[in-house]
Every structure is written in C-alpha cells, then in structure tokens.
Amino acid sequence: MAEPRVLTAVPELADPSLVLLTVEEAARRLRIGRTTCFKLVLAGEIESVTVGRLRRVPAEALPAYVTQLRTQLRRRPAVAA
C-alpha cells in the first residue's frame, strides 16, 4: 500500500525577474485583498499600465507605494491621548 502524501503549505515565491505583475500578483505581494488592490490601482494610488486590454502593475510600483504610505504616516501629527 502506498504511503499517503502529505501536503504542506509552501509560501509562493515571487519571481524577481517579472517586470509587470497582474493585479492579483501585486495584491499577494502586498498581502492585501485583490479587490482592495484593484481599488488602489483604479484610484491611481498604485501605478499601473495597460497592455492591450490587460491591466498590469510595474514591479517597482509596489515599493514606491509602500514608501508613499510610510511618508504619509511620518507627516501625520501625533494625536494626544
């Protein structure tokens, strides 16, 4: 009798050679939902390009978005408790 196969969760490795990502791939890299990522793309908060009829996110747009979020966070005045 064959041994049962055990499936383990392996984190998806991001392919660093990809220049353009699908919105779903961008969402996975940012650890946010697909719908949230689409909203950010459509609002222009995350840079995107169209290739034919496809919407793609440049890989370098993700670190730029995170930097933008961190900069906004630093500029907010501290709220006194």
PDB file of N, CA and C in Angstrom:
ATOM      1  N   MET A   1       0.844  -1.171   0.000  1.00  0.00           N
ATOM      2  CA  MET A   1       0.000   0.000   0.000  1.00  0.00           C
ATOM      3  C   MET A   1       0.899   1.247   0.000  1.00  0.00           C
ATOM      4  N   ALA A   2       0.513   2.228  -0.811  1.00  0.00           N
ATOM      5  CA  ALA A   2       1.308   3.456  -0.927  1.00  0.00           C
ATOM      6  C   ALA A   2       1.088   4.347   0.291  1.00  0.00           C
ATOM      7  N   GLU A   3       2.149   5.047   0.647  1.00  0.00           N
ATOM      8  CA  GLU A   3       2.045   5.978   1.766  1.00  0.00           C
ATOM      9  C   GLU A   3       1.212   7.187   1.348  1.00  0.00           C
ATOM     10  N   PRO A   4       0.389   7.707   2.260  1.00  0.00           N
ATOM     11  CA  PRO A   4      -0.382   8.899   1.899  1.00  0.00           C
ATOM     12  C   PRO A   4       0.533  10.104   1.740  1.00  0.00           C
ATOM     13  N   ARG A   5       0.210  10.926   0.774  1.00  0.00           N
ATOM     14  CA  ARG A   5       1.005  12.132   0.555  1.00  0.00           C
ATOM     15  C   ARG A   5       0.566  13.205   1.534  1.00  0.00           C
ATOM     16  N   VAL A   6       1.516  13.891   2.080  1.00  0.00           N
ATOM     17  CA  VAL A   6       1.243  14.981   2.997  1.00  0.00           C
ATOM     18  C   VAL A   6       1.489  16.289   2.256  1.00  0.00           C
ATOM     19  N   LEU A   7       0.452  17.115   2.195  1.00  0.00           N
ATOM     20  CA  LEU A   7       0.591  18.406   1.537  1.00  0.00           C
ATOM     21  C   LEU A   7       0.957  19.447   2.569  1.00  0.00           C
ATOM     22  N   THR A   8       1.973  20.209   2.274  1.00  0.00           N
ATOM     23  CA  THR A   8       2.381  21.280   3.180  1.00  0.00           C
ATOM     24  C   THR A   8       2.218  22.610   2.467  1.00  0.00           C
ATOM     25  N   ALA A   9       1.935  23.613   3.238  1.00  0.00           N
ATOM     26  CA  ALA A   9       1.800  24.948   2.670  1.00  0.00           C
ATOM     27  C   ALA A   9       3.184  25.512   2.396  1.00  0.00           C
ATOM     28  N   VAL A  10       3.442  25.790   1.141  1.00  0.00           N
ATOM     29  CA  VAL A  10       4.720  26.373   0.745  1.00  0.00           C
ATOM     30  C   VAL A  10       4.437  27.801   0.320  1.00  0.00           C
ATOM     31  N   PRO A  11       5.090  28.769   0.939  1.00  0.00           N
ATOM     32  CA  PRO A  11       4.832  30.153   0.538  1.00  0.00           C
ATOM     33  C   PRO A  11       5.194  30.367  -0.921  1.00  0.00           C
ATOM     34  N   GLU A  12       4.345  31.098  -1.609  1.00  0.00           N
ATOM     35  CA  GLU A  12       4.592  31.376  -3.020  1.00  0.00           C
ATOM     36  C   GLU A  12       5.806  32.292  -3.143  1.00  0.00           C
ATOM     37  N   LEU A  13       6.756  31.861  -3.914  1.00  0.00           N
ATOM     38  CA  LEU A  13       7.958  32.662  -4.107  1.00  0.00           C
ATOM     39  C   LEU A  13       7.720  33.642  -5.245  1.00  0.00           C
ATOM     40  N   ALA A  14       8.001  34.887  -5.001  1.00  0.00           N
ATOM     41  CA  ALA A  14       7.839  35.903  -6.023  1.00  0.00           C
ATOM     42  C   ALA A  14       8.989  35.798  -7.011  1.00  0.00           C
ATOM     43  N   ASP A  15       8.649  35.794  -8.273  1.00  0.00           N
ATOM     44  CA  ASP A  15       9.669  35.731  -9.316  1.00  0.00           C
ATOM     45  C   ASP A  15      10.251  37.127  -9.497  1.00  0.00           C
ATOM     46  N   PRO A  16      11.487  37.347  -9.063  1.00  0.00           N
ATOM     47  CA  PRO A  16      12.065  38.692  -9.139  1.00  0.00           C
ATOM     48  C   PRO A  16      12.317  39.173 -10.569  1.00  0.00           C
ATOM     49  N   SER A  17      12.240  38.252 -11.537  1.00  0.00           N
ATOM     50  CA  SER A  17      12.511  38.654 -12.916  1.00  0.00           C
ATOM     51  C   SER A  17      11.285  39.256 -13.607  1.00  0.00           C
ATOM     52  N   LEU A  18      10.114  39.175 -12.969  1.00  0.00           N
ATOM     53  CA  LEU A  18       8.911  39.734 -13.578  1.00  0.00           C
ATOM     54  C   LEU A  18       8.967  41.257 -13.541  1.00  0.00           C
ATOM     55  N   VAL A  19       8.698  41.862 -14.675  1.00  0.00           N
ATOM     56  CA  VAL A  19       8.702  43.309 -14.771  1.00  0.00           C
ATOM     57  C   VAL A  19       7.294  43.855 -14.541  1.00  0.00           C
ATOM     58  N   LEU A  20       6.311  43.179 -15.093  1.00  0.00           N
ATOM     59  CA  LEU A  20       4.915  43.569 -14.927  1.00  0.00           C
ATOM     60  C   LEU A  20       4.165  42.460 -14.207  1.00  0.00           C
ATOM     61  N   LEU A  21       3.335  42.855 -13.250  1.00  0.00           N
ATOM     62  CA  LEU A  21       2.563  41.903 -12.457  1.00  0.00           C
ATOM     63  C   LEU A  21       1.080  42.070 -12.748  1.00  0.00           C
ATOM     64  N   THR A  22       0.326  40.994 -12.614  1.00  0.00           N
ATOM     65  CA  THR A  22      -1.120  41.139 -12.642  1.00  0.00           C
ATOM     66  C   THR A  22      -1.533  41.833 -11.350  1.00  0.00           C
ATOM     67  N   VAL A  23      -2.732  42.348 -11.308  1.00  0.00           N
ATOM     68  CA  VAL A  23      -3.206  42.996 -10.085  1.00  0.00           C
ATOM     69  C   VAL A  23      -3.274  41.966  -8.956  1.00  0.00           C
ATOM     70  N   GLU A  24      -3.620  40.734  -9.277  1.00  0.00           N
ATOM     71  CA  GLU A  24      -3.670  39.673  -8.273  1.00  0.00           C
ATOM     72  C   GLU A  24      -2.289  39.397  -7.688  1.00  0.00           C
ATOM     73  N   GLU A  25      -1.266  39.354  -8.548  1.00  0.00           N
ATOM     74  CA  GLU A  25       0.102  39.138  -8.072  1.00  0.00           C
ATOM     75  C   GLU A  25       0.565  40.298  -7.199  1.00  0.00           C
ATOM     76  N   ALA A  26       0.206  41.519  -7.609  1.00  0.00           N
ATOM     77  CA  ALA A  26       0.565  42.697  -6.806  1.00  0.00           C
ATOM     78  C   ALA A  26      -0.113  42.620  -5.439  1.00  0.00           C
ATOM     79  N   ALA A  27      -1.362  42.217  -5.408  1.00  0.00           N
ATOM     80  CA  ALA A  27      -2.094  42.091  -4.146  1.00  0.00           C
ATOM     81  C   ALA A  27      -1.427  41.063  -3.234  1.00  0.00           C
ATOM     82  N   ARG A  28      -1.014  39.939  -3.800  1.00  0.00           N
ATOM     83  CA  ARG A  28      -0.347  38.906  -2.996  1.00  0.00           C
ATOM     84  C   ARG A  28       0.961  39.419  -2.424  1.00  0.00           C
ATOM     85  N   ARG A  29       1.714  40.178  -3.217  1.00  0.00           N
ATOM     86  CA  ARG A  29       2.992  40.711  -2.721  1.00  0.00           C
ATOM     87  C   ARG A  29       2.785  41.722  -1.603  1.00  0.00           C
ATOM     88  N   LEU A  30       1.701  42.498  -1.700  1.00  0.00           N
ATOM     89  CA  LEU A  30       1.407  43.490  -0.661  1.00  0.00           C
ATOM     90  C   LEU A  30       0.641  42.881   0.519  1.00  0.00           C
ATOM     91  N   ARG A  31       0.208  41.642   0.362  1.00  0.00           N
ATOM     92  CA  ARG A  31      -0.582  40.950   1.392  1.00  0.00           C
ATOM     93  C   ARG A  31      -1.895  41.682   1.670  1.00  0.00           C
ATOM     94  N   ILE A  32      -2.543  42.130   0.554  1.00  0.00           N
ATOM     95  CA  ILE A  32      -3.859  42.747   0.653  1.00  0.00           C
ATOM     96  C   ILE A  32      -4.801  41.992  -0.267  1.00  0.00           C
ATOM     97  N   GLY A  33      -6.074  42.258  -0.141  1.00  0.00           N
ATOM     98  CA  GLY A  33      -7.059  41.596  -0.981  1.00  0.00           C
ATOM     99  C   GLY A  33      -7.011  42.078  -2.418  1.00  0.00           C
ATOM    100  N   ARG A  34      -7.470  41.221  -3.301  1.00  0.00           N
ATOM    101  CA  ARG A  34      -7.498  41.541  -4.730  1.00  0.00           C
ATOM    102  C   ARG A  34      -8.387  42.746  -4.999  1.00  0.00           C
ATOM    103  N   THR A  35      -9.559  42.800  -4.368  1.00  0.00           N
ATOM    104  CA  THR A  35     -10.487  43.905  -4.575  1.00  0.00           C
ATOM    105  C   THR A  35      -9.886  45.220  -4.092  1.00  0.00           C
ATOM    106  N   THR A  36      -9.225  45.186  -2.938  1.00  0.00           N
ATOM    107  CA  THR A  36      -8.566  46.383  -2.413  1.00  0.00           C
ATOM    108  C   THR A  36      -7.490  46.847  -3.373  1.00  0.00           C
ATOM    109  N   CYS A  37      -6.727  45.927  -3.909  1.00  0.00           N
ATOM    110  CA  CYS A  37      -5.661  46.277  -4.842  1.00  0.00           C
ATOM    111  C   CYS A  37      -6.245  46.896  -6.116  1.00  0.00           C
ATOM    112  N   PHE A  38      -7.334  46.328  -6.623  1.00  0.00           N
ATOM    113  CA  PHE A  38      -7.977  46.907  -7.804  1.00  0.00           C
ATOM    114  C   PHE A  38      -8.442  48.337  -7.511  1.00  0.00           C
ATOM    115  N   LYS A  39      -9.003  48.576  -6.324  1.00  0.00           N
ATOM    116  CA  LYS A  39      -9.444  49.922  -5.962  1.00  0.00           C
ATOM    117  C   LYS A  39      -8.273  50.895  -5.924  1.00  0.00           C
ATOM    118  N   LEU A  40      -7.144  50.457  -5.358  1.00  0.00           N
ATOM    119  CA  LEU A  40      -5.957  51.308  -5.297  1.00  0.00           C
ATOM    120  C   LEU A  40      -5.422  51.609  -6.689  1.00  0.00           C
ATOM    121  N   VAL A  41      -5.456  50.622  -7.566  1.00  0.00           N
ATOM    122  CA  VAL A  41      -4.989  50.808  -8.947  1.00  0.00           C
ATOM    123  C   VAL A  41      -5.913  51.783  -9.673  1.00  0.00           C
ATOM    124  N   LEU A  42      -7.217  51.579  -9.557  1.00  0.00           N
ATOM    125  CA  LEU A  42      -8.168  52.447 -10.265  1.00  0.00           C
ATOM    126  C   LEU A  42      -8.154  53.870  -9.719  1.00  0.00           C
ATOM    127  N   ALA A  43      -7.825  54.027  -8.424  1.00  0.00           N
ATOM    128  CA  ALA A  43      -7.726  55.357  -7.823  1.00  0.00           C
ATOM    129  C   ALA A  43      -6.403  56.034  -8.172  1.00  0.00           C
ATOM    130  N   GLY A  44      -5.476  55.298  -8.778  1.00  0.00           N
ATOM    131  CA  GLY A  44      -4.187  55.858  -9.143  1.00  0.00           C
ATOM    132  C   GLY A  44      -3.174  55.854  -8.013  1.00  0.00           C
ATOM    133  N   GLU A  45      -3.505  55.214  -6.888  1.00  0.00           N
ATOM    134  CA  GLU A  45      -2.566  55.161  -5.767  1.00  0.00           C
ATOM    135  C   GLU A  45      -1.428  54.181  -6.035  1.00  0.00           C
ATOM    136  N   ILE A  46      -1.719  53.140  -6.789  1.00  0.00           N
ATOM    137  CA  ILE A  46      -0.689  52.203  -7.249  1.00  0.00           C
ATOM    138  C   ILE A  46      -0.599  52.367  -8.759  1.00  0.00           C
ATOM    139  N   GLU A  47       0.598  52.631  -9.238  1.00  0.00           N
ATOM    140  CA  GLU A  47       0.803  52.840 -10.680  1.00  0.00           C
ATOM    141  C   GLU A  47       0.457  51.568 -11.443  1.00  0.00           C
ATOM    142  N   SER A  48      -0.155  51.755 -12.610  1.00  0.00           N
ATOM    143  CA  SER A  48      -0.451  50.617 -13.470  1.00  0.00           C
ATOM    144  C   SER A  48      -0.373  51.055 -14.928  1.00  0.00           C
ATOM    145  N   VAL A  49      -0.269  50.074 -15.790  1.00  0.00           N
ATOM    146  CA  VAL A  49      -0.234  50.324 -17.232  1.00  0.00           C
ATOM    147  C   VAL A  49      -1.189  49.349 -17.897  1.00  0.00           C
ATOM    148  N   THR A  50      -1.620  49.696 -19.102  1.00  0.00           N
ATOM    149  CA  THR A  50      -2.424  48.748 -19.856  1.00  0.00           C
ATOM    150  C   THR A  50      -1.583  48.202 -20.995  1.00  0.00           C
ATOM    151  N   VAL A  51      -1.702  46.911 -21.185  1.00  0.00           N
ATOM    152  CA  VAL A  51      -1.039  46.230 -22.295  1.00  0.00           C
ATOM    153  C   VAL A  51      -2.165  45.593 -23.086  1.00  0.00           C
ATOM    154  N   GLY A  52      -2.517  46.229 -24.200  1.00  0.00           N
ATOM    155  CA  GLY A  52      -3.711  45.784 -24.914  1.00  0.00           C
ATOM    156  C   GLY A  52      -4.928  46.056 -24.042  1.00  0.00           C
ATOM    157  N   ARG A  53      -5.628  45.002 -23.675  1.00  0.00           N
ATOM    158  CA  ARG A  53      -6.787  45.147 -22.786  1.00  0.00           C
ATOM    159  C   ARG A  53      -6.471  44.725 -21.364  1.00  0.00           C
ATOM    160  N   LEU A  54      -5.208  44.419 -21.086  1.00  0.00           N
ATOM    161  CA  LEU A  54      -4.814  43.918 -19.776  1.00  0.00           C
ATOM    162  C   LEU A  54      -4.258  45.023 -18.894  1.00  0.00           C
ATOM    163  N   ARG A  55      -4.580  44.980 -17.622  1.00  0.00           N
ATOM    164  CA  ARG A  55      -4.054  45.944 -16.640  1.00  0.00           C
ATOM    165  C   ARG A  55      -2.894  45.268 -15.931  1.00  0.00           C
ATOM    166  N   ARG A  56      -1.744  45.913 -15.907  1.00  0.00           N
ATOM    167  CA  ARG A  56      -0.557  45.369 -15.256  1.00  0.00           C
ATOM    168  C   ARG A  56       0.044  46.404 -14.324  1.00  0.00           C
ATOM    169  N   VAL A  57       0.689  45.922 -13.264  1.00  0.00           N
ATOM    170  CA  VAL A  57       1.337  46.779 -12.282  1.00  0.00           C
ATOM    171  C   VAL A  57       2.845  46.588 -12.415  1.00  0.00           C
ATOM    172  N   PRO A  58       3.603  47.662 -12.686  1.00  0.00           N
ATOM    173  CA  PRO A  58       5.060  47.518 -12.734  1.00  0.00           C
ATOM    174  C   PRO A  58       5.577  47.058 -11.370  1.00  0.00           C
ATOM    175  N   ALA A  59       6.519  46.136 -11.371  1.00  0.00           N
ATOM    176  CA  ALA A  59       7.038  45.583 -10.113  1.00  0.00           C
ATOM    177  C   ALA A  59       7.597  46.677  -9.212  1.00  0.00           C
ATOM    178  N   GLU A  60       8.218  47.705  -9.792  1.00  0.00           N
ATOM    179  CA  GLU A  60       8.794  48.770  -8.963  1.00  0.00           C
ATOM    180  C   GLU A  60       7.731  49.706  -8.400  1.00  0.00           C
ATOM    181  N   ALA A  61       6.477  49.588  -8.844  1.00  0.00           N
ATOM    182  CA  ALA A  61       5.405  50.429  -8.312  1.00  0.00           C
ATOM    183  C   ALA A  61       5.038  50.028  -6.886  1.00  0.00           C
ATOM    184  N   LEU A  62       5.282  48.778  -6.516  1.00  0.00           N
ATOM    185  CA  LEU A  62       4.915  48.322  -5.174  1.00  0.00           C
ATOM    186  C   LEU A  62       5.801  48.933  -4.090  1.00  0.00           C
ATOM    187  N   PRO A  63       7.130  48.897  -4.221  1.00  0.00           N
ATOM    188  CA  PRO A  63       7.950  49.585  -3.218  1.00  0.00           C
ATOM    189  C   PRO A  63       7.665  51.089  -3.186  1.00  0.00           C
ATOM    190  N   ALA A  64       7.364  51.685  -4.345  1.00  0.00           N
ATOM    191  CA  ALA A  64       7.045  53.112  -4.381  1.00  0.00           C
ATOM    192  C   ALA A  64       5.771  53.391  -3.596  1.00  0.00           C
ATOM    193  N   TYR A  65       4.778  52.520  -3.711  1.00  0.00           N
ATOM    194  CA  TYR A  65       3.525  52.687  -2.971  1.00  0.00           C
ATOM    195  C   TYR A  65       3.770  52.562  -1.467  1.00  0.00           C
ATOM    196  N   VAL A  66       4.559  51.597  -1.060  1.00  0.00           N
ATOM    197  CA  VAL A  66       4.857  51.412   0.367  1.00  0.00           C
ATOM    198  C   VAL A  66       5.620  52.629   0.898  1.00  0.00           C
ATOM    199  N   THR A  67       6.563  53.136   0.131  1.00  0.00           N
ATOM    200  CA  THR A  67       7.310  54.337   0.531  1.00  0.00           C
ATOM    201  C   THR A  67       6.361  55.515   0.696  1.00  0.00           C
ATOM    202  N   GLN A  68       5.421  55.646  -0.223  1.00  0.00           N
ATOM    203  CA  GLN A  68       4.421  56.715  -0.147  1.00  0.00           C
ATOM    204  C   GLN A  68       3.590  56.582   1.133  1.00  0.00           C
ATOM    205  N   LEU A  69       3.177  55.376   1.477  1.00  0.00           N
ATOM    206  CA  LEU A  69       2.408  55.163   2.705  1.00  0.00           C
ATOM    207  C   LEU A  69       3.230  55.529   3.940  1.00  0.00           C
ATOM    208  N   ARG A  70       4.496  55.125   3.943  1.00  0.00           N
ATOM    209  CA  ARG A  70       5.357  55.415   5.094  1.00  0.00           C
ATOM    210  C   ARG A  70       5.598  56.911   5.232  1.00  0.00           C
ATOM    211  N   THR A  71       5.749  57.607   4.114  1.00  0.00           N
ATOM    212  CA  THR A  71       5.954  59.055   4.140  1.00  0.00           C
ATOM    213  C   THR A  71       4.720  59.757   4.693  1.00  0.00           C
ATOM    214  N   GLN A  72       3.540  59.319   4.266  1.00  0.00           N
ATOM    215  CA  GLN A  72       2.293  59.897   4.781  1.00  0.00           C
ATOM    216  C   GLN A  72       2.168  59.668   6.277  1.00  0.00           C
ATOM    217  N   LEU A  73       2.564  58.505   6.733  1.00  0.00           N
ATOM    218  CA  LEU A  73       2.467  58.174   8.148  1.00  0.00           C
ATOM    219  C   LEU A  73       3.373  59.076   8.971  1.00  0.00           C
ATOM    220  N   ARG A  74       4.570  59.379   8.464  1.00  0.00           N
ATOM    221  CA  ARG A  74       5.523  60.233   9.185  1.00  0.00           C
ATOM    222  C   ARG A  74       5.048  61.685   9.253  1.00  0.00           C
ATOM    223  N   ARG A  75       4.293  62.106   8.248  1.00  0.00           N
ATOM    224  CA  ARG A  75       3.846  63.502   8.183  1.00  0.00           C
ATOM    225  C   ARG A  75       2.621  63.772   9.046  1.00  0.00           C
ATOM    226  N   ARG A  76       1.914  62.738   9.465  1.00  0.00           N
ATOM    227  CA  ARG A  76       0.728  62.940  10.304  1.00  0.00           C
ATOM    228  C   ARG A  76       1.129  63.452  11.661  1.00  0.00           C
ATOM    229  N   PRO A  77       0.391  64.430  12.160  1.00  0.00           N
ATOM    230  CA  PRO A  77       0.702  64.908  13.525  1.00  0.00           C
ATOM    231  C   PRO A  77       0.289  63.858  14.542  1.00  0.00           C
ATOM    232  N   ALA A  78       1.056  63.789  15.616  1.00  0.00           N
ATOM    233  CA  ALA A  78       0.761  62.826  16.680  1.00  0.00           C
ATOM    234  C   ALA A  78      -0.527  63.233  17.377  1.00  0.00           C
ATOM    235  N   VAL A  79      -1.357  62.258  17.678  1.00  0.00           N
ATOM    236  CA  VAL A  79      -2.622  62.509  18.354  1.00  0.00           C
ATOM    237  C   VAL A  79      -2.389  62.345  19.856  1.00  0.00           C
ATOM    238  N   ALA A  80      -2.702  63.376  20.624  1.00  0.00           N
ATOM    239  CA  ALA A  80      -2.523  63.320  22.072  1.00  0.00           C
ATOM    240  C   ALA A  80      -3.637  62.492  22.700  1.00  0.00           C
ATOM    241  N   ALA A  81      -3.270  61.645  23.614  1.00  0.00           N
ATOM    242  CA  ALA A  81      -4.252  60.775  24.259  1.00  0.00           C
ATOM    243  C   ALA A  81      -4.893  61.449  25.444  1.00  0.00           C
TER     244      ALA A  81
END
